[in-house]
Structures are given as C-alpha cells and as structure tokens.
Amino acid sequence: MLTGQGAFDTVFRGGRRIEGRYLQLVAMPAARVPGRAGYVIGKKALPRAVDRNRIRRQLREIVRAHRALMQAFDVILRVKAAPKPLDCNAVSGEAPRLLATLFASVPAITSA
C-alpha cells in the first residue's frame, strides 16, 4: 500500500496519467518491488464516508486481482467525480479498463 504524503507526491509529480470518466490513474515505475497502490477519494467527489469506503473497498479488490501485473508500478487511483445518483459499479468498473491501458503501455512508461 502506498502510504505517506511524500510517496503520493512523488507519484503525482512523476507519474503518467490515464484519464477515465470517473477515475484518474497515475502510475510510475515502482520505487521498490513489489509496486504499491494508493487511493484518493475526496469529500467533494463523494461527500458521504460510507460511499467513499465502499468505493475504496471495491478498488482494492480490483487492484488485488491485478497484483501480479502491477509488480513494477506504483499506482494511485483517484476518484474525479461520481455519477449522480451514486453508482459504485460505474466508478469501480472503470478501474480494470484503466489498468489494462497501463499494462498495454508498459514499454512507454518504463523507458520514460
């Protein structure tokens, strides 16, 4: 798990961004193996804590399922906006597509 303000700042400054409708994925080569994942879910995007926690749990499960492919990356998944009314499946359903885009572009990230 990606922890600490410095770790998040490093990934945000040096990482490549992949934009989705509800999520933004920021990834960079891992500082240490295995790679780590972090989640940013702000109160502006989801005001209720129960909704933020539900999305975080769903995103963790998706990242856990892709763990073998993520060994080389430090990744942050940031919720940009939530659909109104809240559809957690729409938000978390976007994560596998963003991760697939990341894995498809592995040579571009590791060489940068």
N, C-alpha and C. Protein backbone atom coordinates (compact mmCIF):
# COMPACT_ATOMS: atom_id res chain seq x y z
N MET A 1 0.84 -1.18 0.00
CA MET A 1 0.00 0.00 0.00
C MET A 1 0.88 1.25 0.00
N LEU A 2 0.54 2.19 -0.80
CA LEU A 2 1.25 3.45 -0.90
C LEU A 2 0.82 4.32 0.28
N THR A 3 1.77 4.70 1.13
CA THR A 3 1.44 5.50 2.31
C THR A 3 2.39 6.68 2.43
N GLY A 4 1.93 7.70 3.10
CA GLY A 4 2.74 8.88 3.35
C GLY A 4 2.61 9.92 2.26
N GLN A 5 2.60 11.17 2.69
CA GLN A 5 2.44 12.28 1.76
C GLN A 5 3.56 12.32 0.73
N GLY A 6 4.79 12.01 1.14
CA GLY A 6 5.92 12.04 0.21
C GLY A 6 5.78 11.03 -0.91
N ALA A 7 5.29 9.85 -0.58
CA ALA A 7 5.12 8.82 -1.61
C ALA A 7 4.05 9.24 -2.62
N PHE A 8 2.95 9.79 -2.13
CA PHE A 8 1.89 10.26 -3.03
C PHE A 8 2.40 11.41 -3.89
N ASP A 9 3.12 12.35 -3.29
CA ASP A 9 3.65 13.49 -4.05
C ASP A 9 4.59 13.03 -5.16
N THR A 10 5.43 12.05 -4.86
CA THR A 10 6.37 11.53 -5.85
C THR A 10 5.63 10.95 -7.05
N VAL A 11 4.61 10.15 -6.78
CA VAL A 11 3.86 9.55 -7.88
C VAL A 11 3.08 10.61 -8.65
N PHE A 12 2.46 11.55 -7.93
CA PHE A 12 1.70 12.60 -8.63
C PHE A 12 2.62 13.46 -9.49
N ARG A 13 3.82 13.78 -9.03
CA ARG A 13 4.75 14.61 -9.80
C ARG A 13 5.34 13.87 -10.99
N GLY A 14 5.75 12.62 -10.82
CA GLY A 14 6.48 11.93 -11.86
C GLY A 14 5.70 10.90 -12.64
N GLY A 15 4.45 10.67 -12.26
CA GLY A 15 3.69 9.60 -12.89
C GLY A 15 2.98 10.00 -14.16
N ARG A 16 2.65 8.98 -14.92
CA ARG A 16 1.87 9.16 -16.15
C ARG A 16 0.40 9.05 -15.80
N ARG A 17 -0.41 9.92 -16.33
CA ARG A 17 -1.84 9.94 -16.03
C ARG A 17 -2.64 9.28 -17.15
N ILE A 18 -3.60 8.47 -16.71
CA ILE A 18 -4.55 7.87 -17.63
C ILE A 18 -5.93 8.29 -17.13
N GLU A 19 -6.65 9.01 -17.97
CA GLU A 19 -7.92 9.59 -17.57
C GLU A 19 -9.10 8.71 -17.95
N GLY A 20 -10.05 8.63 -17.05
CA GLY A 20 -11.32 7.99 -17.31
C GLY A 20 -12.42 8.99 -16.99
N ARG A 21 -13.63 8.57 -17.11
CA ARG A 21 -14.74 9.47 -16.82
C ARG A 21 -14.84 9.78 -15.33
N TYR A 22 -14.70 8.76 -14.50
CA TYR A 22 -14.84 8.92 -13.05
C TYR A 22 -13.52 8.79 -12.30
N LEU A 23 -12.54 8.12 -12.90
CA LEU A 23 -11.28 7.86 -12.24
C LEU A 23 -10.11 8.43 -13.02
N GLN A 24 -9.04 8.71 -12.28
CA GLN A 24 -7.77 9.05 -12.89
C GLN A 24 -6.75 8.07 -12.31
N LEU A 25 -5.98 7.43 -13.18
CA LEU A 25 -4.93 6.52 -12.73
C LEU A 25 -3.60 7.23 -12.96
N VAL A 26 -2.77 7.28 -11.94
CA VAL A 26 -1.44 7.87 -12.04
C VAL A 26 -0.46 6.76 -11.72
N ALA A 27 0.47 6.48 -12.64
CA ALA A 27 1.40 5.36 -12.45
C ALA A 27 2.81 5.77 -12.83
N MET A 28 3.76 5.17 -12.12
CA MET A 28 5.16 5.34 -12.44
C MET A 28 5.89 4.06 -12.07
N PRO A 29 7.08 3.85 -12.61
CA PRO A 29 7.83 2.65 -12.22
C PRO A 29 7.99 2.61 -10.71
N ALA A 30 7.88 1.42 -10.15
CA ALA A 30 7.91 1.25 -8.70
C ALA A 30 9.26 1.64 -8.12
N ALA A 31 9.20 2.32 -6.98
CA ALA A 31 10.41 2.68 -6.26
C ALA A 31 11.05 1.44 -5.65
N ARG A 32 10.22 0.47 -5.30
CA ARG A 32 10.71 -0.81 -4.78
C ARG A 32 9.72 -1.89 -5.18
N VAL A 33 10.23 -3.10 -5.27
CA VAL A 33 9.39 -4.23 -5.67
C VAL A 33 8.85 -4.88 -4.41
N PRO A 34 7.60 -5.25 -4.31
CA PRO A 34 6.56 -5.08 -5.32
C PRO A 34 6.03 -3.65 -5.33
N GLY A 35 5.38 -3.30 -6.42
CA GLY A 35 4.79 -1.97 -6.55
C GLY A 35 3.67 -1.78 -5.53
N ARG A 36 3.32 -0.54 -5.31
CA ARG A 36 2.30 -0.21 -4.31
C ARG A 36 1.14 0.52 -4.97
N ALA A 37 0.02 0.52 -4.27
CA ALA A 37 -1.17 1.21 -4.76
C ALA A 37 -1.70 2.14 -3.69
N GLY A 38 -2.23 3.27 -4.12
CA GLY A 38 -2.85 4.23 -3.21
C GLY A 38 -4.15 4.71 -3.81
N TYR A 39 -5.01 5.25 -2.96
CA TYR A 39 -6.34 5.66 -3.38
C TYR A 39 -6.61 7.07 -2.85
N VAL A 40 -7.15 7.92 -3.72
CA VAL A 40 -7.53 9.27 -3.33
C VAL A 40 -9.01 9.43 -3.65
N ILE A 41 -9.80 9.58 -2.60
CA ILE A 41 -11.24 9.73 -2.77
C ILE A 41 -11.65 10.91 -1.90
N GLY A 42 -11.82 12.06 -2.51
CA GLY A 42 -12.10 13.28 -1.77
C GLY A 42 -13.56 13.45 -1.39
N LYS A 43 -13.77 14.32 -0.42
CA LYS A 43 -15.13 14.62 0.04
C LYS A 43 -15.94 15.36 -1.00
N LYS A 44 -15.28 16.10 -1.87
CA LYS A 44 -16.02 16.81 -2.92
C LYS A 44 -16.62 15.82 -3.91
N ALA A 45 -15.88 14.78 -4.21
CA ALA A 45 -16.37 13.78 -5.16
C ALA A 45 -17.46 12.92 -4.52
N LEU A 46 -17.25 12.50 -3.28
CA LEU A 46 -18.21 11.66 -2.55
C LEU A 46 -18.34 12.18 -1.12
N PRO A 47 -19.35 12.97 -0.85
CA PRO A 47 -19.47 13.58 0.47
C PRO A 47 -19.69 12.59 1.62
N ARG A 48 -20.35 11.47 1.36
CA ARG A 48 -20.64 10.53 2.46
C ARG A 48 -19.50 9.53 2.64
N ALA A 49 -19.06 9.37 3.89
CA ALA A 49 -17.96 8.46 4.20
C ALA A 49 -18.29 7.02 3.79
N VAL A 50 -19.53 6.62 3.96
CA VAL A 50 -19.91 5.25 3.61
C VAL A 50 -19.70 4.99 2.12
N ASP A 51 -19.95 5.98 1.29
CA ASP A 51 -19.74 5.84 -0.16
C ASP A 51 -18.24 5.80 -0.49
N ARG A 52 -17.45 6.67 0.16
CA ARG A 52 -16.00 6.66 -0.06
C ARG A 52 -15.40 5.32 0.33
N ASN A 53 -15.83 4.78 1.45
CA ASN A 53 -15.31 3.49 1.90
C ASN A 53 -15.71 2.35 0.99
N ARG A 54 -16.94 2.39 0.49
CA ARG A 54 -17.41 1.34 -0.43
C ARG A 54 -16.58 1.35 -1.71
N ILE A 55 -16.36 2.52 -2.27
CA ILE A 55 -15.55 2.63 -3.49
C ILE A 55 -14.12 2.17 -3.21
N ARG A 56 -13.55 2.57 -2.09
CA ARG A 56 -12.19 2.17 -1.75
C ARG A 56 -12.07 0.64 -1.64
N ARG A 57 -13.03 0.01 -1.00
CA ARG A 57 -13.01 -1.46 -0.90
C ARG A 57 -13.08 -2.11 -2.28
N GLN A 58 -13.94 -1.59 -3.14
CA GLN A 58 -14.07 -2.15 -4.48
C GLN A 58 -12.78 -1.96 -5.28
N LEU A 59 -12.17 -0.79 -5.17
CA LEU A 59 -10.92 -0.54 -5.89
C LEU A 59 -9.80 -1.43 -5.37
N ARG A 60 -9.74 -1.66 -4.07
CA ARG A 60 -8.73 -2.55 -3.50
C ARG A 60 -8.86 -3.97 -4.06
N GLU A 61 -10.08 -4.44 -4.19
CA GLU A 61 -10.29 -5.79 -4.73
C GLU A 61 -9.85 -5.86 -6.19
N ILE A 62 -10.12 -4.84 -6.95
CA ILE A 62 -9.71 -4.82 -8.36
C ILE A 62 -8.19 -4.81 -8.46
N VAL A 63 -7.53 -3.99 -7.65
CA VAL A 63 -6.07 -3.94 -7.66
C VAL A 63 -5.50 -5.28 -7.20
N ARG A 64 -6.10 -5.88 -6.20
CA ARG A 64 -5.64 -7.19 -5.71
C ARG A 64 -5.72 -8.24 -6.83
N ALA A 65 -6.76 -8.18 -7.64
CA ALA A 65 -6.91 -9.14 -8.73
C ALA A 65 -5.84 -8.94 -9.82
N HIS A 66 -5.31 -7.73 -9.95
CA HIS A 66 -4.29 -7.41 -10.96
C HIS A 66 -2.90 -7.34 -10.35
N ARG A 67 -2.72 -7.82 -9.14
CA ARG A 67 -1.47 -7.65 -8.40
C ARG A 67 -0.25 -8.19 -9.15
N ALA A 68 -0.39 -9.33 -9.79
CA ALA A 68 0.76 -9.92 -10.48
C ALA A 68 1.29 -9.01 -11.58
N LEU A 69 0.40 -8.31 -12.26
CA LEU A 69 0.82 -7.41 -13.34
C LEU A 69 1.32 -6.07 -12.82
N MET A 70 0.98 -5.73 -11.59
CA MET A 70 1.33 -4.42 -11.04
C MET A 70 2.65 -4.40 -10.29
N GLN A 71 3.39 -5.48 -10.29
CA GLN A 71 4.63 -5.57 -9.52
C GLN A 71 5.61 -4.45 -9.84
N ALA A 72 5.58 -3.95 -11.04
CA ALA A 72 6.57 -2.97 -11.48
C ALA A 72 6.10 -1.52 -11.35
N PHE A 73 4.92 -1.29 -10.78
CA PHE A 73 4.36 0.06 -10.75
C PHE A 73 3.95 0.51 -9.36
N ASP A 74 4.10 1.80 -9.12
CA ASP A 74 3.41 2.48 -8.02
C ASP A 74 2.23 3.18 -8.68
N VAL A 75 1.03 2.93 -8.17
CA VAL A 75 -0.20 3.37 -8.81
C VAL A 75 -1.07 4.13 -7.81
N ILE A 76 -1.68 5.21 -8.27
CA ILE A 76 -2.70 5.92 -7.50
C ILE A 76 -3.97 5.93 -8.33
N LEU A 77 -5.06 5.52 -7.72
CA LEU A 77 -6.38 5.63 -8.34
C LEU A 77 -7.11 6.77 -7.62
N ARG A 78 -7.47 7.80 -8.38
CA ARG A 78 -8.13 8.97 -7.80
C ARG A 78 -9.52 9.10 -8.38
N VAL A 79 -10.51 9.23 -7.50
CA VAL A 79 -11.88 9.43 -7.94
C VAL A 79 -12.03 10.92 -8.28
N LYS A 80 -12.35 11.19 -9.55
CA LYS A 80 -12.52 12.57 -10.00
C LYS A 80 -13.93 13.06 -9.73
N ALA A 81 -14.89 12.23 -10.04
CA ALA A 81 -16.29 12.60 -9.88
C ALA A 81 -17.11 11.32 -9.79
N ALA A 82 -18.22 11.42 -9.13
CA ALA A 82 -19.12 10.27 -9.02
C ALA A 82 -20.39 10.57 -9.81
N PRO A 83 -20.96 9.55 -10.42
CA PRO A 83 -22.21 9.78 -11.15
C PRO A 83 -23.34 10.12 -10.17
N LYS A 84 -24.27 10.89 -10.61
CA LYS A 84 -25.44 11.22 -9.79
C LYS A 84 -26.64 10.53 -10.38
N PRO A 85 -27.39 9.72 -9.70
CA PRO A 85 -27.15 9.24 -8.34
C PRO A 85 -25.97 8.28 -8.32
N LEU A 86 -25.40 8.08 -7.13
CA LEU A 86 -24.18 7.29 -6.99
C LEU A 86 -24.37 5.87 -7.51
N ASP A 87 -23.51 5.48 -8.42
CA ASP A 87 -23.47 4.11 -8.93
C ASP A 87 -22.04 3.62 -8.73
N CYS A 88 -21.81 2.92 -7.62
CA CYS A 88 -20.47 2.45 -7.28
C CYS A 88 -19.90 1.54 -8.35
N ASN A 89 -20.76 0.77 -9.00
CA ASN A 89 -20.29 -0.13 -10.05
C ASN A 89 -19.76 0.64 -11.26
N ALA A 90 -20.33 1.79 -11.55
CA ALA A 90 -19.85 2.59 -12.67
C ALA A 90 -18.45 3.11 -12.38
N VAL A 91 -18.22 3.53 -11.15
CA VAL A 91 -16.91 4.06 -10.77
C VAL A 91 -15.87 2.95 -10.74
N SER A 92 -16.17 1.87 -10.00
CA SER A 92 -15.19 0.80 -9.87
C SER A 92 -15.06 -0.02 -11.15
N GLY A 93 -16.07 -0.01 -12.00
CA GLY A 93 -16.00 -0.72 -13.28
C GLY A 93 -15.01 -0.10 -14.25
N GLU A 94 -14.67 1.15 -14.02
CA GLU A 94 -13.73 1.84 -14.89
C GLU A 94 -12.28 1.46 -14.57
N ALA A 95 -12.00 1.03 -13.36
CA ALA A 95 -10.63 0.73 -12.94
C ALA A 95 -9.97 -0.37 -13.78
N PRO A 96 -10.64 -1.51 -14.05
CA PRO A 96 -9.96 -2.52 -14.87
C PRO A 96 -9.57 -2.02 -16.26
N ARG A 97 -10.40 -1.17 -16.84
CA ARG A 97 -10.07 -0.62 -18.17
C ARG A 97 -8.83 0.28 -18.09
N LEU A 98 -8.74 1.11 -17.05
CA LEU A 98 -7.57 1.98 -16.88
C LEU A 98 -6.31 1.16 -16.63
N LEU A 99 -6.43 0.11 -15.82
CA LEU A 99 -5.28 -0.76 -15.56
C LEU A 99 -4.85 -1.48 -16.84
N ALA A 100 -5.80 -1.93 -17.65
CA ALA A 100 -5.47 -2.58 -18.91
C ALA A 100 -4.73 -1.62 -19.83
N THR A 101 -5.13 -0.36 -19.85
CA THR A 101 -4.43 0.66 -20.64
C THR A 101 -3.01 0.83 -20.14
N LEU A 102 -2.83 0.82 -18.83
CA LEU A 102 -1.50 0.94 -18.24
C LEU A 102 -0.62 -0.24 -18.67
N PHE A 103 -1.13 -1.45 -18.56
CA PHE A 103 -0.34 -2.63 -18.88
C PHE A 103 -0.04 -2.71 -20.37
N ALA A 104 -0.93 -2.19 -21.21
CA ALA A 104 -0.69 -2.18 -22.65
C ALA A 104 0.43 -1.23 -23.03
N SER A 105 0.67 -0.22 -22.19
CA SER A 105 1.67 0.79 -22.50
C SER A 105 2.93 0.63 -21.65
N VAL A 106 3.21 -0.56 -21.17
CA VAL A 106 4.36 -0.79 -20.28
C VAL A 106 5.68 -0.28 -20.87
N PRO A 107 6.03 -0.56 -22.12
CA PRO A 107 7.31 -0.06 -22.63
C PRO A 107 7.40 1.45 -22.60
N ALA A 108 6.28 2.15 -22.82
CA ALA A 108 6.30 3.62 -22.84
C ALA A 108 6.59 4.18 -21.45
N ILE A 109 6.10 3.55 -20.40
CA ILE A 109 6.31 4.07 -19.05
C ILE A 109 7.69 3.72 -18.54
N THR A 110 8.12 2.48 -18.73
CA THR A 110 9.40 2.06 -18.17
C THR A 110 10.58 2.73 -18.85
N SER A 111 10.43 3.18 -20.08
CA SER A 111 11.52 3.85 -20.75
C SER A 111 11.58 5.33 -20.44
N ALA A 112 10.49 5.89 -19.91
CA ALA A 112 10.44 7.34 -19.64
C ALA A 112 11.18 7.70 -18.38
